Amino acid sequence: MTKIHVTTFIAAPVERVFDLSRHVALYKQMFHGNRERITSGAASNLIGKGETVSVNATHAGKSRMVMLKITSFDRPTVFVEEQVKGDLESFRHEHHFKRADNGTIVIDILEFGNPKDIAGRIFGRFYFKKYLEGLLRKRTELVRSYAESEKWRAVLT
């Protein structure tokens, strides 16, 4: 199992950063321009405990799907997404939020296994960690761009 740990400071209140991090529209925007598509089983735009998000993508020449479920949720300190169905050996993403002077410290801990098929294992060995790190940083920068400006009002009000 591979692990990625990213810590980021965002100059905005912890509640705002937490809610932006679980907003379905921002998930979709994060994948815009990539070959991925997001579908949500959330009752609202803010995904909560027990709700799911599915990511459909084409990688290593194959259509792939991962369904993630929010298995732990304590606003505004933590939520955890875990694969409940899909092409990966495993996937667990812990989102931690710590109140700090003038903002929020965001800690992402992502643990995952490679895709289950042979082509996916080769893809995973040489590319998948770097790909997921880039996606994680893109998401964090997207949340930061909303949280540190007035753009957050368009999605959270």
Protein backbone atom coordinates (compact mmCIF):
# COMPACT_ATOMS: atom_id res chain seq x y z
CA MET A 1 0.00 0.00 0.00
CA THR A 2 1.26 3.46 -0.92
CA LYS A 3 0.84 6.54 1.28
CA ILE A 4 0.74 10.25 0.42
CA HIS A 5 0.81 12.93 3.14
CA VAL A 6 0.24 16.59 2.26
CA THR A 7 -0.04 19.45 4.77
CA THR A 8 -1.28 22.87 3.64
CA PHE A 9 -2.14 26.18 5.30
CA ILE A 10 -5.24 28.02 4.06
CA ALA A 11 -5.94 31.55 5.31
CA ALA A 12 -9.66 31.01 6.01
CA PRO A 13 -11.85 29.75 8.87
CA VAL A 14 -11.83 25.99 9.48
CA GLU A 15 -15.60 25.61 8.91
CA ARG A 16 -15.36 27.21 5.46
CA VAL A 17 -12.37 25.11 4.42
CA PHE A 18 -14.03 21.92 5.70
CA ASP A 19 -17.25 22.57 3.80
CA LEU A 20 -15.48 23.55 0.58
CA SER A 21 -13.43 20.34 0.82
CA ARG A 22 -16.60 18.23 0.75
CA HIS A 23 -18.52 20.26 -1.83
CA VAL A 24 -19.58 18.17 -4.84
CA ALA A 25 -19.28 21.10 -7.30
CA LEU A 26 -15.61 21.54 -6.34
CA TYR A 27 -15.00 17.79 -6.80
CA LYS A 28 -16.42 18.12 -10.31
CA GLN A 29 -14.38 21.24 -11.02
CA MET A 30 -11.21 19.51 -9.82
CA PHE A 31 -11.64 16.87 -12.52
CA HIS A 32 -12.67 19.33 -15.26
CA GLY A 33 -10.38 18.95 -18.26
CA ASN A 34 -9.27 15.46 -17.22
CA ARG A 35 -10.67 12.19 -18.48
CA GLU A 36 -12.60 11.63 -15.25
CA ARG A 37 -16.28 12.08 -14.51
CA ILE A 38 -17.83 12.45 -11.06
CA THR A 39 -21.25 11.27 -9.97
CA SER A 40 -22.58 11.76 -6.47
CA GLY A 41 -25.06 9.97 -4.29
CA ALA A 42 -25.14 12.93 -1.91
CA ALA A 43 -28.47 14.38 -0.86
CA SER A 44 -27.08 17.91 -1.23
CA ASN A 45 -23.98 19.64 -2.61
CA LEU A 46 -22.21 19.00 0.70
CA ILE A 47 -21.38 15.32 0.97
CA GLY A 48 -21.82 13.82 4.43
CA LYS A 49 -21.44 10.60 6.40
CA GLY A 50 -22.67 7.51 4.58
CA GLU A 51 -22.92 9.27 1.20
CA THR A 52 -20.98 8.28 -1.90
CA VAL A 53 -19.06 9.81 -4.77
CA SER A 54 -18.07 7.78 -7.83
CA VAL A 55 -15.13 8.59 -10.09
CA ASN A 56 -15.23 7.14 -13.61
CA ALA A 57 -12.03 7.40 -15.63
CA THR A 58 -9.99 5.89 -18.43
CA HIS A 59 -6.42 5.00 -17.45
CA ALA A 60 -3.98 2.49 -18.90
CA GLY A 61 -6.41 1.86 -21.77
CA LYS A 62 -9.28 0.75 -19.56
CA SER A 63 -12.45 2.33 -18.19
CA ARG A 64 -12.18 2.41 -14.41
CA MET A 65 -14.54 3.21 -11.57
CA VAL A 66 -14.05 3.89 -7.88
CA MET A 67 -16.98 4.44 -5.54
CA LEU A 68 -15.97 6.28 -2.38
CA LYS A 69 -18.08 6.45 0.76
CA ILE A 70 -17.77 8.92 3.63
CA THR A 71 -17.15 6.48 6.49
CA SER A 72 -16.17 8.95 9.21
CA PHE A 73 -17.39 12.51 9.63
CA ASP A 74 -16.86 15.06 12.42
CA ARG A 75 -17.42 18.64 11.25
CA PRO A 76 -15.16 20.65 11.13
CA THR A 77 -12.23 18.43 12.10
CA VAL A 78 -12.20 15.30 9.92
CA PHE A 79 -13.88 13.24 7.25
CA VAL A 80 -12.71 10.00 5.68
CA GLU A 81 -13.45 8.60 2.21
CA GLU A 82 -12.97 4.88 1.57
CA GLN A 83 -13.42 2.76 -1.52
CA VAL A 84 -16.48 0.54 -1.23
CA LYS A 85 -16.46 -0.60 -4.86
CA GLY A 86 -14.01 -0.27 -7.71
CA ASP A 87 -10.85 -1.09 -9.58
CA LEU A 88 -8.27 -0.33 -6.89
CA GLU A 89 -6.90 -2.80 -4.37
CA SER A 90 -7.80 -0.22 -1.70
CA PHE A 91 -8.32 3.52 -1.24
CA ARG A 92 -8.61 5.55 1.98
CA HIS A 93 -8.36 9.36 2.16
CA GLU A 94 -8.34 11.10 5.54
CA HIS A 95 -9.06 14.84 5.46
CA HIS A 96 -7.98 16.55 8.72
CA PHE A 97 -8.61 20.22 9.56
CA LYS A 98 -6.91 22.08 12.41
CA ARG A 99 -7.85 25.57 13.51
CA ALA A 100 -4.76 27.82 13.42
CA ASP A 101 -3.95 31.51 13.87
CA ASN A 102 -5.39 33.30 10.84
CA GLY A 103 -6.61 30.15 9.14
CA THR A 104 -6.68 26.38 8.85
CA ILE A 105 -4.08 23.65 8.58
CA VAL A 106 -5.29 20.95 6.18
CA ILE A 107 -3.71 17.51 6.48
CA ASP A 108 -4.44 14.94 3.77
CA ILE A 109 -3.41 11.33 4.31
CA LEU A 110 -4.10 9.14 1.31
CA GLU A 111 -3.42 5.39 1.32
CA PHE A 112 -4.11 3.32 -1.76
CA GLY A 113 -3.37 0.16 -3.65
CA ASN A 114 -2.81 -0.09 -7.37
CA PRO A 115 -5.48 -1.02 -9.92
CA LYS A 116 -6.25 -4.74 -9.76
CA ASP A 117 -5.54 -5.73 -13.41
CA ILE A 118 -2.09 -6.28 -14.94
CA ALA A 119 -2.06 -3.12 -17.09
CA GLY A 120 -3.27 -1.17 -14.05
CA ARG A 121 -0.49 -2.58 -11.88
CA ILE A 122 2.11 -1.42 -14.40
CA PHE A 123 0.36 1.97 -14.64
CA GLY A 124 0.25 2.13 -10.84
CA ARG A 125 3.87 1.28 -10.35
CA PHE A 126 5.17 4.07 -12.59
CA TYR A 127 2.47 6.74 -12.63
CA PHE A 128 -0.38 6.43 -10.14
CA LYS A 129 1.26 7.95 -7.04
CA LYS A 130 2.45 11.00 -8.98
CA TYR A 131 -0.99 11.31 -10.60
CA LEU A 132 -2.82 11.19 -7.23
CA GLU A 133 -0.36 13.65 -5.63
CA GLY A 134 -1.05 16.09 -8.46
CA LEU A 135 -4.81 15.64 -8.10
CA LEU A 136 -4.58 16.18 -4.34
CA ARG A 137 -2.57 19.37 -4.77
CA LYS A 138 -5.00 20.59 -7.45
CA ARG A 139 -7.93 20.02 -5.07
CA THR A 140 -6.16 21.83 -2.22
CA GLU A 141 -5.35 24.81 -4.45
CA LEU A 142 -8.95 24.90 -5.70
CA VAL A 143 -10.27 24.92 -2.12
CA ARG A 144 -7.72 27.63 -1.23
CA SER A 145 -8.75 29.79 -4.21
CA TYR A 146 -12.38 29.69 -3.03
CA ALA A 147 -11.73 29.91 0.71
CA GLU A 148 -9.29 32.84 0.56
CA SER A 149 -11.46 34.95 -1.76
CA GLU A 150 -15.12 35.82 -2.01
CA LYS A 151 -15.76 32.90 -4.41
CA TRP A 152 -16.79 30.71 -1.46
CA ARG A 153 -20.02 32.71 -1.12
CA ALA A 154 -21.21 31.43 -4.53
CA VAL A 155 -21.11 27.79 -3.42
CA LEU A 156 -21.71 27.85 0.35
CA THR A 157 -24.59 30.30 0.73
